[in-house]
Amino acid sequence: MGFMDKIKGLMGQHGDKVQRGLDKAAQTADSKTKGKYSDQIKSGTQKAKEATERLSDNGGPGKSGGEGGSGQGPKGG
C-alpha cells in the first residue's frame, strides 16, 4: 500500500496543479475537436477532478477537505 500512500500524499500537495492540468487538457481537446465532444469532455473532466479530490482529501495532511465523509457527494457546476 506504500505506492497509494505516496500518490495520496502528492495529491494532497499538488492537487491544485492537477486540477489546472485537467482544465487545460479539456480545453485543448475541446478546441481540437471543434466543440463536437464538449459534453463528453466536460463529463470526463468532472469525473477526473472528483477522483483527484477524493485522493487529496484522503491523503493530504493539512488539506481542508470540506466535502465530508467519502467525498462522493454531488458537485455543483
N, C-alpha and C. Protein backbone atom coordinates (compact mmCIF):
# COMPACT_ATOMS: atom_id res chain seq x y z
N MET A 1 0.82 -1.19 0.00
CA MET A 1 0.00 0.00 0.00
C MET A 1 0.87 1.26 0.00
N GLY A 2 2.16 1.14 0.03
CA GLY A 2 3.06 2.28 0.05
C GLY A 2 2.92 3.17 -1.17
N PHE A 3 2.69 2.58 -2.34
CA PHE A 3 2.53 3.35 -3.57
C PHE A 3 1.31 4.27 -3.48
N MET A 4 0.19 3.74 -3.04
CA MET A 4 -1.03 4.55 -2.93
C MET A 4 -0.87 5.65 -1.89
N ASP A 5 -0.16 5.36 -0.81
CA ASP A 5 0.08 6.39 0.20
C ASP A 5 0.88 7.54 -0.40
N LYS A 6 1.87 7.20 -1.23
CA LYS A 6 2.68 8.22 -1.87
C LYS A 6 1.84 9.06 -2.83
N ILE A 7 0.99 8.41 -3.61
CA ILE A 7 0.11 9.11 -4.55
C ILE A 7 -0.82 10.05 -3.78
N LYS A 8 -1.41 9.57 -2.70
CA LYS A 8 -2.31 10.40 -1.91
C LYS A 8 -1.58 11.60 -1.34
N GLY A 9 -0.37 11.39 -0.87
CA GLY A 9 0.42 12.49 -0.33
C GLY A 9 0.73 13.54 -1.39
N LEU A 10 1.10 13.07 -2.58
CA LEU A 10 1.39 14.00 -3.67
C LEU A 10 0.14 14.76 -4.09
N MET A 11 -0.99 14.09 -4.11
CA MET A 11 -2.24 14.75 -4.46
C MET A 11 -2.60 15.80 -3.42
N GLY A 12 -2.30 15.52 -2.17
CA GLY A 12 -2.55 16.50 -1.12
C GLY A 12 -1.72 17.75 -1.31
N GLN A 13 -0.52 17.57 -1.82
CA GLN A 13 0.39 18.70 -2.00
C GLN A 13 0.17 19.42 -3.33
N HIS A 14 -0.17 18.67 -4.37
CA HIS A 14 -0.20 19.24 -5.72
C HIS A 14 -1.54 19.08 -6.43
N GLY A 15 -2.59 18.86 -5.68
CA GLY A 15 -3.90 18.66 -6.27
C GLY A 15 -4.35 19.83 -7.12
N ASP A 16 -3.99 21.05 -6.70
CA ASP A 16 -4.40 22.23 -7.46
C ASP A 16 -3.74 22.25 -8.84
N LYS A 17 -2.51 21.80 -8.92
CA LYS A 17 -1.82 21.74 -10.21
C LYS A 17 -2.44 20.69 -11.11
N VAL A 18 -2.85 19.58 -10.53
CA VAL A 18 -3.51 18.53 -11.30
C VAL A 18 -4.83 19.05 -11.84
N GLN A 19 -5.58 19.76 -11.01
CA GLN A 19 -6.87 20.32 -11.43
C GLN A 19 -6.68 21.27 -12.61
N ARG A 20 -5.67 22.14 -12.51
CA ARG A 20 -5.40 23.08 -13.61
C ARG A 20 -4.98 22.33 -14.88
N GLY A 21 -4.21 21.27 -14.71
CA GLY A 21 -3.80 20.46 -15.85
C GLY A 21 -4.98 19.80 -16.53
N LEU A 22 -5.92 19.32 -15.74
CA LEU A 22 -7.13 18.72 -16.30
C LEU A 22 -7.93 19.75 -17.09
N ASP A 23 -8.05 20.96 -16.54
CA ASP A 23 -8.76 22.03 -17.25
C ASP A 23 -8.08 22.36 -18.58
N LYS A 24 -6.77 22.46 -18.55
CA LYS A 24 -6.02 22.79 -19.76
C LYS A 24 -6.16 21.68 -20.80
N ALA A 25 -6.07 20.44 -20.36
CA ALA A 25 -6.22 19.31 -21.29
C ALA A 25 -7.62 19.29 -21.89
N ALA A 26 -8.63 19.59 -21.07
CA ALA A 26 -10.00 19.61 -21.57
C ALA A 26 -10.19 20.72 -22.60
N GLN A 27 -9.62 21.89 -22.33
CA GLN A 27 -9.72 22.99 -23.29
C GLN A 27 -9.04 22.64 -24.61
N THR A 28 -7.88 22.01 -24.52
CA THR A 28 -7.15 21.62 -25.72
C THR A 28 -7.95 20.59 -26.53
N ALA A 29 -8.48 19.58 -25.83
CA ALA A 29 -9.26 18.55 -26.52
C ALA A 29 -10.51 19.15 -27.16
N ASP A 30 -11.18 20.05 -26.46
CA ASP A 30 -12.38 20.68 -26.99
C ASP A 30 -12.05 21.52 -28.21
N SER A 31 -10.93 22.22 -28.14
CA SER A 31 -10.50 23.04 -29.27
C SER A 31 -10.15 22.17 -30.48
N LYS A 32 -9.42 21.09 -30.25
CA LYS A 32 -9.00 20.21 -31.35
C LYS A 32 -10.19 19.53 -32.02
N THR A 33 -11.24 19.25 -31.24
CA THR A 33 -12.42 18.59 -31.81
C THR A 33 -13.48 19.60 -32.23
N LYS A 34 -13.14 20.89 -32.15
CA LYS A 34 -14.03 21.98 -32.55
C LYS A 34 -15.38 21.92 -31.85
N GLY A 35 -15.36 21.53 -30.58
CA GLY A 35 -16.56 21.53 -29.76
C GLY A 35 -17.50 20.35 -30.00
N LYS A 36 -17.12 19.44 -30.88
CA LYS A 36 -18.01 18.33 -31.22
C LYS A 36 -18.29 17.43 -30.02
N TYR A 37 -17.32 17.30 -29.12
CA TYR A 37 -17.46 16.39 -27.98
C TYR A 37 -17.44 17.14 -26.64
N SER A 38 -17.89 18.38 -26.63
CA SER A 38 -17.82 19.22 -25.43
C SER A 38 -18.47 18.56 -24.22
N ASP A 39 -19.65 18.01 -24.39
CA ASP A 39 -20.35 17.40 -23.25
C ASP A 39 -19.56 16.22 -22.68
N GLN A 40 -19.03 15.38 -23.55
CA GLN A 40 -18.27 14.23 -23.08
C GLN A 40 -16.97 14.68 -22.40
N ILE A 41 -16.33 15.69 -22.95
CA ILE A 41 -15.09 16.21 -22.37
C ILE A 41 -15.37 16.80 -21.00
N LYS A 42 -16.43 17.57 -20.87
CA LYS A 42 -16.79 18.16 -19.57
C LYS A 42 -17.10 17.08 -18.55
N SER A 43 -17.84 16.06 -18.97
CA SER A 43 -18.19 14.97 -18.06
C SER A 43 -16.95 14.22 -17.59
N GLY A 44 -16.09 13.89 -18.52
CA GLY A 44 -14.86 13.17 -18.17
C GLY A 44 -13.96 13.99 -17.28
N THR A 45 -13.86 15.28 -17.57
CA THR A 45 -13.03 16.17 -16.75
C THR A 45 -13.58 16.26 -15.33
N GLN A 46 -14.89 16.37 -15.20
CA GLN A 46 -15.51 16.46 -13.88
C GLN A 46 -15.26 15.18 -13.08
N LYS A 47 -15.38 14.04 -13.72
CA LYS A 47 -15.13 12.77 -13.03
C LYS A 47 -13.67 12.66 -12.60
N ALA A 48 -12.77 13.10 -13.45
CA ALA A 48 -11.34 13.07 -13.10
C ALA A 48 -11.05 14.01 -11.93
N LYS A 49 -11.68 15.18 -11.93
CA LYS A 49 -11.48 16.13 -10.83
C LYS A 49 -12.02 15.56 -9.52
N GLU A 50 -13.18 14.92 -9.58
CA GLU A 50 -13.74 14.32 -8.37
C GLU A 50 -12.82 13.24 -7.82
N ALA A 51 -12.23 12.45 -8.72
CA ALA A 51 -11.31 11.40 -8.28
C ALA A 51 -10.07 12.01 -7.63
N THR A 52 -9.54 13.08 -8.21
CA THR A 52 -8.36 13.71 -7.62
C THR A 52 -8.70 14.36 -6.29
N GLU A 53 -9.91 14.91 -6.16
CA GLU A 53 -10.33 15.48 -4.88
C GLU A 53 -10.41 14.42 -3.81
N ARG A 54 -10.94 13.25 -4.16
CA ARG A 54 -11.03 12.16 -3.18
C ARG A 54 -9.63 11.76 -2.72
N LEU A 55 -8.70 11.67 -3.65
CA LEU A 55 -7.33 11.30 -3.28
C LEU A 55 -6.70 12.37 -2.40
N SER A 56 -6.87 13.64 -2.75
CA SER A 56 -6.24 14.68 -1.96
C SER A 56 -6.92 14.84 -0.61
N ASP A 57 -8.23 14.63 -0.53
CA ASP A 57 -8.92 14.70 0.76
C ASP A 57 -8.45 13.59 1.69
N ASN A 58 -8.18 12.42 1.15
CA ASN A 58 -7.76 11.28 1.96
C ASN A 58 -6.28 11.30 2.28
N GLY A 59 -5.47 11.95 1.46
CA GLY A 59 -4.04 11.78 1.62
C GLY A 59 -3.27 12.99 2.07
N GLY A 60 -3.85 14.15 2.08
CA GLY A 60 -3.06 15.33 2.36
C GLY A 60 -3.25 15.88 3.75
N PRO A 61 -2.28 15.71 4.63
CA PRO A 61 -2.38 16.33 5.93
C PRO A 61 -2.40 17.84 5.77
N GLY A 62 -3.28 18.49 6.51
CA GLY A 62 -3.38 19.94 6.42
C GLY A 62 -4.30 20.41 5.31
N LYS A 63 -4.86 19.50 4.53
CA LYS A 63 -5.80 19.87 3.49
C LYS A 63 -7.14 20.12 4.13
N SER A 64 -7.83 21.14 3.66
CA SER A 64 -9.18 21.40 4.18
C SER A 64 -10.16 20.68 3.28
N GLY A 65 -10.50 19.46 3.64
CA GLY A 65 -11.41 18.64 2.84
C GLY A 65 -12.83 18.87 3.26
N GLY A 66 -13.43 19.97 2.81
CA GLY A 66 -14.77 20.33 3.22
C GLY A 66 -15.85 19.49 2.60
N GLU A 67 -15.52 18.48 1.84
CA GLU A 67 -16.50 17.64 1.20
C GLU A 67 -17.17 16.69 2.18
N GLY A 68 -16.46 16.33 3.22
CA GLY A 68 -17.01 15.45 4.25
C GLY A 68 -17.09 14.01 3.81
N GLY A 69 -17.14 13.11 4.76
CA GLY A 69 -17.37 11.69 4.51
C GLY A 69 -16.46 11.12 3.45
N SER A 70 -17.05 10.43 2.49
CA SER A 70 -16.28 9.77 1.45
C SER A 70 -15.92 10.71 0.31
N GLY A 71 -16.45 11.92 0.30
CA GLY A 71 -16.16 12.84 -0.78
C GLY A 71 -16.90 12.51 -2.05
N GLN A 72 -17.99 11.74 -1.94
CA GLN A 72 -18.70 11.31 -3.13
C GLN A 72 -20.06 12.00 -3.25
N GLY A 73 -20.15 13.23 -2.85
CA GLY A 73 -21.39 13.95 -2.96
C GLY A 73 -21.54 14.58 -4.33
N PRO A 74 -22.76 15.03 -4.67
CA PRO A 74 -22.95 15.68 -5.96
C PRO A 74 -22.22 17.03 -5.98
N LYS A 75 -21.71 17.37 -7.12
CA LYS A 75 -20.96 18.61 -7.28
C LYS A 75 -21.82 19.62 -8.03
N GLY A 76 -21.69 20.87 -7.63
CA GLY A 76 -22.36 21.94 -8.37
C GLY A 76 -21.51 22.32 -9.56
N GLY A 77 -22.13 22.84 -10.61
CA GLY A 77 -21.30 23.15 -11.74
C GLY A 77 -21.89 24.15 -12.56
